[in-house]
Amino acid sequence: MNANKIKKNLTTEINDKLKKSKFDLLTNENDFLVKNLKKAG
């Protein structure tokens, strides 16, 4: 296996993990906002 293929695989793996973590953060934030809105409403 050459170095370029390894690099490409690693970067895509890292990008996927970043996307997932960003998504998790957004869903947590949304849950928080929804809870606060329900309390206020």
N, C-alpha and C. Protein backbone atom coordinates (compact mmCIF):
# COMPACT_ATOMS: atom_id res chain seq x y z
N MET A 1 0.85 -1.20 0.00
CA MET A 1 0.00 0.00 0.00
C MET A 1 0.88 1.25 0.00
N ASN A 2 0.56 2.20 -0.84
CA ASN A 2 1.40 3.40 -0.86
C ASN A 2 0.93 4.45 0.14
N ALA A 3 1.80 5.41 0.38
CA ALA A 3 1.54 6.42 1.42
C ALA A 3 0.30 7.27 1.11
N ASN A 4 0.09 7.58 -0.16
CA ASN A 4 -1.06 8.43 -0.52
C ASN A 4 -2.38 7.78 -0.15
N LYS A 5 -2.50 6.48 -0.40
CA LYS A 5 -3.75 5.79 -0.06
C LYS A 5 -3.98 5.81 1.44
N ILE A 6 -2.91 5.58 2.20
CA ILE A 6 -3.03 5.59 3.66
C ILE A 6 -3.47 6.97 4.14
N LYS A 7 -2.83 8.01 3.61
CA LYS A 7 -3.19 9.38 4.00
C LYS A 7 -4.65 9.67 3.69
N LYS A 8 -5.07 9.28 2.50
CA LYS A 8 -6.44 9.54 2.08
C LYS A 8 -7.43 8.85 3.02
N ASN A 9 -7.14 7.60 3.35
CA ASN A 9 -8.02 6.86 4.25
C ASN A 9 -8.08 7.52 5.62
N LEU A 10 -6.94 7.96 6.12
CA LEU A 10 -6.91 8.60 7.43
C LEU A 10 -7.70 9.90 7.43
N THR A 11 -7.51 10.71 6.40
CA THR A 11 -8.21 11.99 6.38
C THR A 11 -9.71 11.80 6.27
N THR A 12 -10.15 10.83 5.46
CA THR A 12 -11.59 10.61 5.36
C THR A 12 -12.15 10.10 6.69
N GLU A 13 -11.36 9.25 7.35
CA GLU A 13 -11.79 8.73 8.65
C GLU A 13 -11.93 9.86 9.66
N ILE A 14 -10.93 10.75 9.68
CA ILE A 14 -10.94 11.88 10.61
C ILE A 14 -12.12 12.81 10.29
N ASN A 15 -12.33 13.08 9.01
CA ASN A 15 -13.44 13.95 8.61
C ASN A 15 -14.78 13.36 9.03
N ASP A 16 -14.93 12.06 8.87
CA ASP A 16 -16.18 11.41 9.28
C ASP A 16 -16.40 11.57 10.78
N LYS A 17 -15.33 11.37 11.55
CA LYS A 17 -15.45 11.50 13.01
C LYS A 17 -15.81 12.93 13.39
N LEU A 18 -15.20 13.91 12.69
CA LEU A 18 -15.50 15.31 12.98
C LEU A 18 -16.96 15.62 12.67
N LYS A 19 -17.43 15.15 11.54
CA LYS A 19 -18.83 15.39 11.18
C LYS A 19 -19.77 14.81 12.23
N LYS A 20 -19.46 13.59 12.67
CA LYS A 20 -20.31 12.95 13.67
C LYS A 20 -20.29 13.74 14.97
N SER A 21 -19.12 14.19 15.40
CA SER A 21 -19.04 14.91 16.66
C SER A 21 -19.75 16.26 16.56
N LYS A 22 -19.63 16.92 15.39
CA LYS A 22 -20.34 18.19 15.20
C LYS A 22 -21.84 17.95 15.25
N PHE A 23 -22.28 16.87 14.64
CA PHE A 23 -23.69 16.54 14.63
C PHE A 23 -24.19 16.28 16.05
N ASP A 24 -23.40 15.53 16.82
CA ASP A 24 -23.77 15.26 18.21
C ASP A 24 -23.88 16.55 19.00
N LEU A 25 -22.93 17.45 18.80
CA LEU A 25 -22.97 18.73 19.51
C LEU A 25 -24.23 19.50 19.15
N LEU A 26 -24.56 19.52 17.87
CA LEU A 26 -25.76 20.24 17.44
C LEU A 26 -27.02 19.64 18.04
N THR A 27 -27.12 18.32 18.06
CA THR A 27 -28.32 17.70 18.61
C THR A 27 -28.42 17.98 20.11
N ASN A 28 -27.30 17.96 20.81
CA ASN A 28 -27.31 18.27 22.24
C ASN A 28 -27.76 19.70 22.47
N GLU A 29 -27.26 20.60 21.63
CA GLU A 29 -27.63 22.01 21.76
C GLU A 29 -29.12 22.19 21.50
N ASN A 30 -29.62 21.52 20.47
CA ASN A 30 -31.04 21.61 20.14
C ASN A 30 -31.90 21.08 21.27
N ASP A 31 -31.50 19.96 21.86
CA ASP A 31 -32.25 19.40 22.99
C ASP A 31 -32.33 20.41 24.12
N PHE A 32 -31.21 21.06 24.39
CA PHE A 32 -31.14 22.05 25.45
C PHE A 32 -32.10 23.21 25.17
N LEU A 33 -32.06 23.70 23.92
CA LEU A 33 -32.94 24.81 23.54
C LEU A 33 -34.41 24.41 23.65
N VAL A 34 -34.74 23.22 23.20
CA VAL A 34 -36.12 22.74 23.26
C VAL A 34 -36.59 22.67 24.71
N LYS A 35 -35.76 22.14 25.58
CA LYS A 35 -36.13 22.04 27.00
C LYS A 35 -36.39 23.42 27.58
N ASN A 36 -35.51 24.38 27.26
CA ASN A 36 -35.69 25.72 27.78
C ASN A 36 -36.96 26.38 27.25
N LEU A 37 -37.25 26.13 25.97
CA LEU A 37 -38.47 26.70 25.39
C LEU A 37 -39.71 26.11 26.05
N LYS A 38 -39.68 24.82 26.33
CA LYS A 38 -40.83 24.19 26.98
C LYS A 38 -41.05 24.75 28.37
N LYS A 39 -39.95 25.01 29.09
CA LYS A 39 -40.06 25.59 30.43
C LYS A 39 -40.68 26.98 30.34
N ALA A 40 -40.19 27.78 29.39
CA ALA A 40 -40.67 29.16 29.25
C ALA A 40 -42.12 29.17 28.77
N GLY A 41 -42.46 28.25 27.88
CA GLY A 41 -43.81 28.22 27.30
C GLY A 41 -44.77 27.62 28.29
